[in-house]
N, C-alpha and C. Protein backbone atom coordinates (compact mmCIF):
# COMPACT_ATOMS: atom_id res chain seq x y z
N UNK A 1 -72.00 25.96 -8.31
CA UNK A 1 -72.48 27.22 -8.01
C UNK A 1 -73.85 27.21 -8.09
N UNK A 2 -74.60 27.79 -7.27
CA UNK A 2 -76.19 27.45 -7.58
C UNK A 2 -76.43 29.23 -7.65
N UNK A 3 -77.20 29.41 -8.86
CA UNK A 3 -77.78 30.70 -8.90
C UNK A 3 -79.17 30.78 -8.50
N UNK A 4 -79.80 31.93 -8.44
CA UNK A 4 -81.12 32.29 -8.20
C UNK A 4 -82.04 31.75 -9.36
N UNK A 5 -82.82 31.04 -9.12
CA UNK A 5 -83.94 30.59 -10.16
C UNK A 5 -85.31 31.40 -10.23
N UNK A 6 -85.30 31.89 -11.43
CA UNK A 6 -86.72 32.79 -11.74
C UNK A 6 -87.25 32.30 -12.99
N UNK A 7 -88.51 32.38 -13.11
CA UNK A 7 -89.05 32.10 -14.51
C UNK A 7 -90.12 33.07 -14.81
N UNK A 8 -90.46 32.92 -16.06
CA UNK A 8 -91.75 33.78 -16.28
C UNK A 8 -92.64 32.76 -17.19
N UNK A 9 -93.87 33.17 -17.32
CA UNK A 9 -94.65 32.33 -17.75
C UNK A 9 -95.60 33.30 -18.95
N UNK A 10 -95.69 32.57 -20.18
CA UNK A 10 -96.65 33.06 -21.08
C UNK A 10 -98.03 32.47 -21.17
N UNK A 11 -98.97 33.05 -20.54
CA UNK A 11 -100.34 32.65 -20.67
C UNK A 11 -101.10 32.98 -22.01
N UNK A 12 -101.44 31.90 -23.01
CA UNK A 12 -101.47 32.27 -24.27
C UNK A 12 -103.15 32.79 -24.53
N UNK A 13 -103.68 32.27 -23.56
CA UNK A 13 -105.08 32.69 -23.72
C UNK A 13 -105.38 33.97 -23.33
N UNK A 14 -104.66 34.25 -22.26
CA UNK A 14 -104.76 35.72 -21.75
C UNK A 14 -103.65 36.82 -22.52
N UNK A 15 -102.92 36.23 -23.25
CA UNK A 15 -101.80 37.05 -23.75
C UNK A 15 -101.13 37.95 -22.84
N UNK A 16 -100.83 37.41 -21.92
CA UNK A 16 -99.95 37.93 -20.66
C UNK A 16 -98.87 37.27 -20.07
N UNK A 17 -97.85 37.96 -19.94
CA UNK A 17 -96.66 37.63 -19.41
C UNK A 17 -96.56 37.50 -17.82
N UNK A 18 -96.49 36.56 -16.87
CA UNK A 18 -96.30 36.48 -15.52
C UNK A 18 -95.02 36.29 -15.15
N UNK A 19 -94.29 37.23 -14.09
CA UNK A 19 -93.06 36.90 -13.77
C UNK A 19 -92.99 36.41 -12.37
N UNK A 20 -92.12 35.22 -11.97
CA UNK A 20 -92.21 34.56 -10.72
C UNK A 20 -91.69 35.56 -9.72
N UNK A 21 -90.94 36.72 -9.95
CA UNK A 21 -90.85 37.23 -8.74
C UNK A 21 -91.70 38.80 -8.67
N UNK A 22 -92.85 38.62 -9.12
CA UNK A 22 -93.89 39.36 -9.09
C UNK A 22 -94.41 39.17 -7.57
N UNK A 23 -94.79 40.29 -6.44
CA UNK A 23 -95.13 40.22 -5.34
C UNK A 23 -96.44 39.37 -5.20
N UNK A 24 -97.40 39.57 -6.34
CA UNK A 24 -98.57 38.85 -6.23
C UNK A 24 -98.70 37.34 -6.43
N UNK A 25 -97.63 36.75 -6.81
CA UNK A 25 -97.56 35.63 -7.25
C UNK A 25 -96.29 34.93 -6.36
N UNK A 26 -96.64 33.41 -5.96
CA UNK A 26 -95.23 32.89 -5.26
C UNK A 26 -95.48 31.36 -6.43
N UNK A 27 -94.35 31.33 -7.00
CA UNK A 27 -94.10 29.78 -7.56
C UNK A 27 -92.91 29.18 -7.14
N UNK A 28 -93.20 28.00 -7.45
CA UNK A 28 -91.89 26.71 -7.13
C UNK A 28 -92.01 25.80 -8.34
N UNK A 29 -91.16 25.10 -8.28
CA UNK A 29 -90.85 24.05 -9.29
C UNK A 29 -90.38 22.87 -8.43
N UNK A 30 -91.30 21.80 -8.82
CA UNK A 30 -91.30 20.31 -8.13
C UNK A 30 -90.11 19.53 -8.54
N UNK A 31 -89.71 18.73 -7.92
CA UNK A 31 -88.89 17.74 -8.42
C UNK A 31 -89.12 17.11 -9.67
N UNK A 32 -90.05 17.07 -10.18
CA UNK A 32 -90.58 16.55 -11.58
C UNK A 32 -90.40 17.59 -12.64
N UNK A 33 -89.95 18.95 -12.36
CA UNK A 33 -90.17 20.27 -13.16
C UNK A 33 -91.21 20.62 -13.48
N UNK A 34 -92.29 20.47 -12.72
CA UNK A 34 -93.66 20.98 -13.03
C UNK A 34 -93.71 22.40 -12.15
N UNK A 35 -94.08 23.59 -12.85
CA UNK A 35 -94.10 24.70 -11.88
C UNK A 35 -95.55 25.01 -11.50
N UNK A 36 -95.71 25.27 -10.08
CA UNK A 36 -96.76 25.46 -9.33
C UNK A 36 -96.97 26.91 -8.89
N UNK A 37 -97.95 27.33 -8.73
CA UNK A 37 -98.26 28.68 -8.09
C UNK A 37 -98.94 28.60 -6.82
N UNK A 38 -98.55 29.35 -5.82
CA UNK A 38 -99.29 29.43 -4.67
C UNK A 38 -99.92 30.72 -4.55
N UNK A 39 -101.33 30.76 -4.34
CA UNK A 39 -101.84 31.97 -4.26
C UNK A 39 -103.42 32.06 -3.80
N UNK A 40 -103.79 33.37 -3.94
CA UNK A 40 -105.43 33.25 -3.39
C UNK A 40 -106.40 33.08 -4.49
N UNK A 41 -107.36 32.29 -4.45
CA UNK A 41 -108.38 31.93 -5.55
C UNK A 41 -109.49 32.70 -4.91
N UNK A 42 -109.97 33.93 -5.72
CA UNK A 42 -111.30 34.74 -5.20
C UNK A 42 -112.59 33.61 -5.41
N UNK A 43 -112.61 32.81 -6.52
CA UNK A 43 -113.77 32.04 -6.48
C UNK A 43 -113.91 31.14 -5.49
N UNK A 44 -112.72 30.79 -4.79
CA UNK A 44 -112.98 29.71 -3.76
C UNK A 44 -113.15 30.29 -2.33
N UNK A 45 -112.52 31.69 -2.38
CA UNK A 45 -112.08 32.39 -1.21
C UNK A 45 -111.19 31.79 -0.38
N UNK A 46 -110.15 31.13 -0.83
CA UNK A 46 -109.00 30.60 0.07
C UNK A 46 -107.67 30.47 -0.98
N UNK A 47 -106.73 30.37 -0.13
CA UNK A 47 -105.24 29.87 -0.52
C UNK A 47 -105.14 28.58 -1.27
N UNK A 48 -104.44 28.22 -2.20
CA UNK A 48 -104.00 26.95 -2.63
C UNK A 48 -103.04 27.00 -3.70
N UNK A 49 -102.78 25.76 -4.20
CA UNK A 49 -101.87 25.51 -5.38
C UNK A 49 -102.66 25.43 -6.70
N UNK A 50 -101.94 25.72 -7.47
CA UNK A 50 -102.47 25.77 -8.76
C UNK A 50 -101.50 25.43 -9.86
N UNK A 51 -101.71 24.50 -10.54
CA UNK A 51 -100.68 24.02 -11.60
C UNK A 51 -100.54 25.11 -12.85
N UNK A 52 -99.36 25.15 -12.86
CA UNK A 52 -99.06 26.18 -14.00
C UNK A 52 -98.77 25.59 -15.24
N UNK A 53 -97.76 24.51 -14.93
CA UNK A 53 -97.02 23.93 -16.37
C UNK A 53 -96.58 22.43 -16.24
N UNK A 54 -96.28 21.70 -17.08
CA UNK A 54 -97.08 22.16 -18.44
C UNK A 54 -98.48 22.11 -18.68
N UNK A 55 -98.86 22.80 -19.43
CA UNK A 55 -100.39 22.73 -19.81
C UNK A 55 -100.51 23.52 -21.42
N UNK A 56 -101.55 23.08 -21.84
CA UNK A 56 -101.38 23.72 -23.13
C UNK A 56 -102.06 25.09 -23.10
N UNK A 57 -101.11 26.14 -23.91
CA UNK A 57 -101.30 27.58 -23.90
C UNK A 57 -100.57 28.22 -22.79
N UNK A 58 -99.46 27.42 -22.14
CA UNK A 58 -98.88 27.86 -21.05
C UNK A 58 -97.08 27.68 -21.71
N UNK A 59 -96.38 28.55 -21.69
CA UNK A 59 -95.09 28.47 -21.80
C UNK A 59 -94.23 28.96 -20.84
N UNK A 60 -93.47 27.93 -20.21
CA UNK A 60 -92.58 28.46 -19.10
C UNK A 60 -91.09 28.66 -19.58
N UNK A 61 -90.80 30.03 -19.22
CA UNK A 61 -89.46 30.12 -19.54
C UNK A 61 -88.34 30.53 -18.33
N UNK A 62 -87.04 30.20 -18.49
CA UNK A 62 -86.08 30.20 -17.47
C UNK A 62 -85.45 31.40 -17.32
N UNK A 63 -84.93 32.10 -16.60
CA UNK A 63 -84.10 33.15 -16.38
C UNK A 63 -82.78 32.57 -16.69
N UNK A 64 -81.93 33.27 -17.31
CA UNK A 64 -80.70 32.85 -17.87
C UNK A 64 -79.72 33.21 -16.92
N UNK A 65 -79.91 33.89 -15.91
CA UNK A 65 -79.01 34.23 -14.61
C UNK A 65 -78.07 35.18 -15.14
N UNK A 66 -78.62 36.01 -15.91
CA UNK A 66 -77.81 37.27 -16.30
C UNK A 66 -78.56 38.36 -16.67
N UNK A 67 -78.21 39.76 -17.13
CA UNK A 67 -78.80 40.52 -17.40
C UNK A 67 -78.12 41.50 -18.76
N UNK A 68 -79.06 42.28 -19.29
CA UNK A 68 -78.59 43.07 -20.43
C UNK A 68 -77.66 44.21 -20.02
N UNK A 69 -77.07 45.09 -20.95
CA UNK A 69 -76.38 46.18 -20.42
C UNK A 69 -77.13 47.24 -19.77
N UNK A 70 -78.49 47.18 -19.71
CA UNK A 70 -79.40 48.05 -19.02
C UNK A 70 -79.96 47.73 -17.67
N UNK A 71 -79.39 46.21 -17.40
CA UNK A 71 -79.78 45.73 -16.15
C UNK A 71 -81.04 44.84 -16.09
N UNK A 72 -81.41 44.85 -17.23
CA UNK A 72 -83.03 44.04 -17.45
C UNK A 72 -82.60 42.52 -17.60
N UNK A 73 -83.39 41.55 -16.62
CA UNK A 73 -83.14 40.28 -16.70
C UNK A 73 -83.25 39.59 -18.07
N UNK A 74 -82.50 38.67 -18.57
CA UNK A 74 -82.94 37.90 -19.79
C UNK A 74 -83.24 36.66 -19.53
N UNK A 75 -84.46 36.44 -20.17
CA UNK A 75 -85.13 35.29 -20.23
C UNK A 75 -85.25 34.49 -21.42
N UNK A 76 -85.29 33.21 -21.28
CA UNK A 76 -85.62 32.24 -22.78
C UNK A 76 -86.73 32.90 -23.47
N UNK A 77 -86.52 33.04 -24.77
CA UNK A 77 -87.50 33.63 -25.53
C UNK A 77 -87.31 35.19 -25.85
N UNK A 78 -86.63 35.60 -24.98
CA UNK A 78 -86.31 37.26 -25.50
C UNK A 78 -85.75 37.58 -26.59
N UNK A 79 -85.77 38.59 -27.34
CA UNK A 79 -85.40 38.79 -28.48
C UNK A 79 -84.11 39.67 -28.20
N UNK A 80 -83.06 39.62 -28.34
CA UNK A 80 -81.83 40.67 -27.97
C UNK A 80 -81.20 41.32 -29.18
N UNK A 81 -80.57 42.36 -29.11
CA UNK A 81 -79.57 43.09 -29.92
C UNK A 81 -78.06 42.74 -29.56
N UNK A 82 -77.28 42.55 -30.60
CA UNK A 82 -75.84 42.61 -30.18
C UNK A 82 -75.29 42.93 -31.26
N UNK A 83 -74.21 43.80 -31.41
CA UNK A 83 -73.46 44.12 -32.47
C UNK A 83 -74.20 44.44 -33.85
N UNK A 84 -75.44 45.05 -33.67
CA UNK A 84 -76.35 45.31 -34.90
C UNK A 84 -77.22 44.20 -35.26
N UNK A 85 -76.81 42.91 -34.58
CA UNK A 85 -77.82 41.71 -35.15
C UNK A 85 -78.65 41.09 -34.14
N UNK A 86 -80.04 40.92 -34.42
CA UNK A 86 -80.89 40.35 -33.66
C UNK A 86 -80.94 38.89 -33.55
N UNK A 87 -81.46 38.40 -32.21
CA UNK A 87 -81.47 36.90 -32.20
C UNK A 87 -82.47 36.59 -31.29
N UNK A 88 -82.93 35.48 -31.15
CA UNK A 88 -83.67 34.85 -29.74
C UNK A 88 -82.87 34.10 -28.89
N UNK A 89 -83.20 34.17 -27.76
CA UNK A 89 -82.57 33.70 -26.57
C UNK A 89 -82.98 32.12 -26.28
N UNK A 90 -82.31 31.34 -26.15
CA UNK A 90 -82.70 30.04 -25.60
C UNK A 90 -81.53 29.21 -24.89
N UNK A 91 -81.84 28.19 -23.81
CA UNK A 91 -81.11 27.63 -23.15
C UNK A 91 -81.22 26.28 -23.60
N UNK A 92 -79.91 25.50 -23.68
CA UNK A 92 -79.85 24.33 -24.00
C UNK A 92 -78.66 23.43 -23.36
N UNK A 93 -78.35 22.39 -23.76
CA UNK A 93 -76.92 21.81 -23.13
C UNK A 93 -75.78 22.43 -23.27
N UNK A 94 -75.53 23.14 -23.84
CA UNK A 94 -74.41 24.09 -24.09
C UNK A 94 -74.35 25.30 -23.43
N UNK A 95 -75.46 25.76 -22.90
CA UNK A 95 -75.74 26.91 -21.85
C UNK A 95 -76.71 27.91 -22.61
N UNK A 96 -76.58 29.40 -22.28
CA UNK A 96 -77.31 30.14 -22.75
C UNK A 96 -77.01 30.59 -23.99
N UNK A 97 -77.92 30.54 -25.13
CA UNK A 97 -77.45 31.33 -26.68
C UNK A 97 -78.20 31.90 -27.14
N UNK A 98 -77.69 32.64 -28.17
CA UNK A 98 -78.62 33.57 -28.90
C UNK A 98 -78.71 32.86 -30.41
N UNK A 99 -79.93 32.54 -30.91
CA UNK A 99 -80.03 32.12 -32.35
C UNK A 99 -80.36 33.15 -33.07
N UNK A 100 -79.20 33.35 -34.12
CA UNK A 100 -79.20 34.49 -35.11
C UNK A 100 -79.43 33.90 -36.32
N UNK A 101 -80.45 34.65 -37.34
CA UNK A 101 -80.63 34.24 -38.58
C UNK A 101 -79.57 34.90 -39.38
N UNK A 102 -78.96 33.87 -40.34
CA UNK A 102 -77.70 34.39 -41.21
C UNK A 102 -78.34 33.94 -42.65
N UNK A 103 -78.17 34.98 -43.49
CA UNK A 103 -78.51 34.92 -44.94
C UNK A 103 -76.87 34.64 -45.54
N UNK A 104 -76.84 33.47 -46.42
CA UNK A 104 -75.59 33.05 -46.93
C UNK A 104 -75.85 33.15 -48.48
N UNK A 105 -75.15 34.11 -49.08
CA UNK A 105 -75.26 34.39 -50.60
C UNK A 105 -74.66 33.01 -51.43
N UNK A 106 -73.89 32.32 -50.95
CA UNK A 106 -73.30 31.06 -51.39
C UNK A 106 -74.55 30.14 -51.64
N UNK A 107 -75.22 29.85 -50.47
CA UNK A 107 -76.25 28.43 -50.68
C UNK A 107 -77.39 29.04 -50.85
N UNK A 108 -77.60 30.56 -50.93
CA UNK A 108 -78.83 31.06 -51.31
C UNK A 108 -80.01 30.58 -50.46
N UNK A 109 -79.63 30.60 -49.16
CA UNK A 109 -80.68 30.22 -48.25
C UNK A 109 -80.41 30.75 -46.58
N UNK A 110 -81.08 30.90 -45.74
CA UNK A 110 -80.91 31.26 -44.54
C UNK A 110 -80.44 30.22 -43.57
N UNK A 111 -79.74 30.51 -42.56
CA UNK A 111 -79.21 29.31 -41.76
C UNK A 111 -79.06 30.05 -40.27
N UNK A 112 -78.84 29.46 -39.57
CA UNK A 112 -78.81 30.06 -37.83
C UNK A 112 -77.50 29.74 -37.32
N UNK A 113 -77.13 30.87 -36.83
CA UNK A 113 -75.61 31.10 -36.24
C UNK A 113 -76.16 31.06 -34.59
N UNK A 114 -75.34 30.28 -34.01
CA UNK A 114 -75.73 30.25 -32.38
C UNK A 114 -74.39 30.68 -31.93
N UNK A 115 -74.76 31.61 -30.63
CA UNK A 115 -73.55 32.54 -30.10
C UNK A 115 -73.83 32.51 -28.50
N UNK A 116 -72.97 32.27 -28.04
CA UNK A 116 -73.05 32.00 -26.38
C UNK A 116 -73.24 33.38 -25.95
N UNK A 117 -74.51 33.48 -25.12
CA UNK A 117 -74.71 35.00 -24.69
C UNK A 117 -73.75 35.63 -23.57
N UNK A 118 -73.28 34.95 -22.63
CA UNK A 118 -72.35 35.33 -21.60
C UNK A 118 -71.15 36.09 -22.08
N UNK A 119 -71.00 37.20 -21.60
CA UNK A 119 -69.73 38.23 -21.84
C UNK A 119 -70.19 39.07 -23.20
N UNK A 120 -71.23 38.96 -23.87
CA UNK A 120 -71.69 39.94 -24.84
C UNK A 120 -72.44 41.28 -24.24
N UNK A 121 -72.40 42.28 -25.02
CA UNK A 121 -73.04 43.37 -24.82
C UNK A 121 -74.47 43.15 -25.41
N UNK A 122 -75.39 42.65 -24.82
CA UNK A 122 -76.79 42.48 -25.25
C UNK A 122 -77.93 43.38 -24.89
N UNK A 123 -78.68 43.84 -25.56
CA UNK A 123 -79.93 44.50 -25.24
C UNK A 123 -81.10 43.75 -25.36
N UNK A 124 -82.03 43.52 -24.36
CA UNK A 124 -83.32 43.12 -24.83
C UNK A 124 -84.19 44.04 -25.33
N UNK A 125 -84.89 43.67 -26.54
CA UNK A 125 -85.67 44.66 -27.23
C UNK A 125 -87.11 44.07 -27.28
N UNK A 126 -87.42 42.93 -26.52
CA UNK A 126 -88.71 42.37 -26.82
C UNK A 126 -88.47 40.83 -26.25
N UNK A 127 -89.88 40.23 -26.61
CA UNK A 127 -89.60 38.74 -26.59
C UNK A 127 -90.66 38.18 -27.74
N UNK A 128 -90.38 36.93 -27.90
CA UNK A 128 -91.12 36.24 -28.91
C UNK A 128 -92.49 36.10 -28.98
N UNK A 129 -93.06 36.40 -27.98
CA UNK A 129 -94.47 36.05 -27.68
C UNK A 129 -95.31 37.51 -27.50
N UNK A 130 -94.71 38.47 -27.16
CA UNK A 130 -95.50 39.96 -27.24
C UNK A 130 -95.10 40.56 -28.25
N UNK A 131 -93.85 40.29 -28.92
CA UNK A 131 -93.29 41.28 -29.97
C UNK A 131 -92.77 40.31 -31.06
N UNK A 132 -93.42 39.35 -31.70
CA UNK A 132 -92.92 38.45 -32.71
C UNK A 132 -92.44 39.30 -34.08
N UNK A 133 -93.00 40.53 -34.08
CA UNK A 133 -92.52 41.24 -35.27
C UNK A 133 -91.23 41.57 -35.19
N UNK A 134 -90.48 41.64 -34.10
CA UNK A 134 -88.78 41.88 -34.08
C UNK A 134 -88.11 40.64 -34.32
N UNK A 135 -88.56 39.65 -34.44
CA UNK A 135 -87.72 38.66 -34.84
C UNK A 135 -87.23 38.63 -36.44
N UNK A 136 -86.11 38.21 -36.70
CA UNK A 136 -85.42 38.37 -37.91
C UNK A 136 -86.33 37.32 -38.76
N UNK A 137 -86.29 37.68 -40.02
CA UNK A 137 -87.08 36.71 -41.29
C UNK A 137 -85.92 35.80 -41.51
C-alpha cells in the first residue's frame, strides 16, 4: 500500500518551517533520498532546482501518514499529547512512535517509553523546533 508522501523542512537559519504541500513550493525526493525544491529564484529571474537537504541547518521531517484528533497532519518532530502525557513523534524501523519520558522512582532516573502512534487519540501541540519548551524534561 502506498501512501501520499509529504515532508516539512525546518530552516534553522531562518527559524522557519516550510511544508511541501504549500502552493508556493514544489518538492520532490530523488532516488538517493535527497529533497529538492522547484521554484522561482528572484535573484536569477528564472525557475530552477534548489537542493534542500541534507544540508547543515536544514532538517527534513516525514509525514507519518496520519492525523491527530483535530485533523492536523502529524510529522516527525511533532510534540503530541495522549492520555495526559506528552511525547515527541519519530519514525523508525518499527513505524511511527511517540517517545515519552518516564520517571521511575525505583531507579531514580528518567527513561523513555516508546508507544506506537497509530490508533491513539493524539493531539499535536507543537514541534521540537518551534516549541522546544513543550518537551517533557
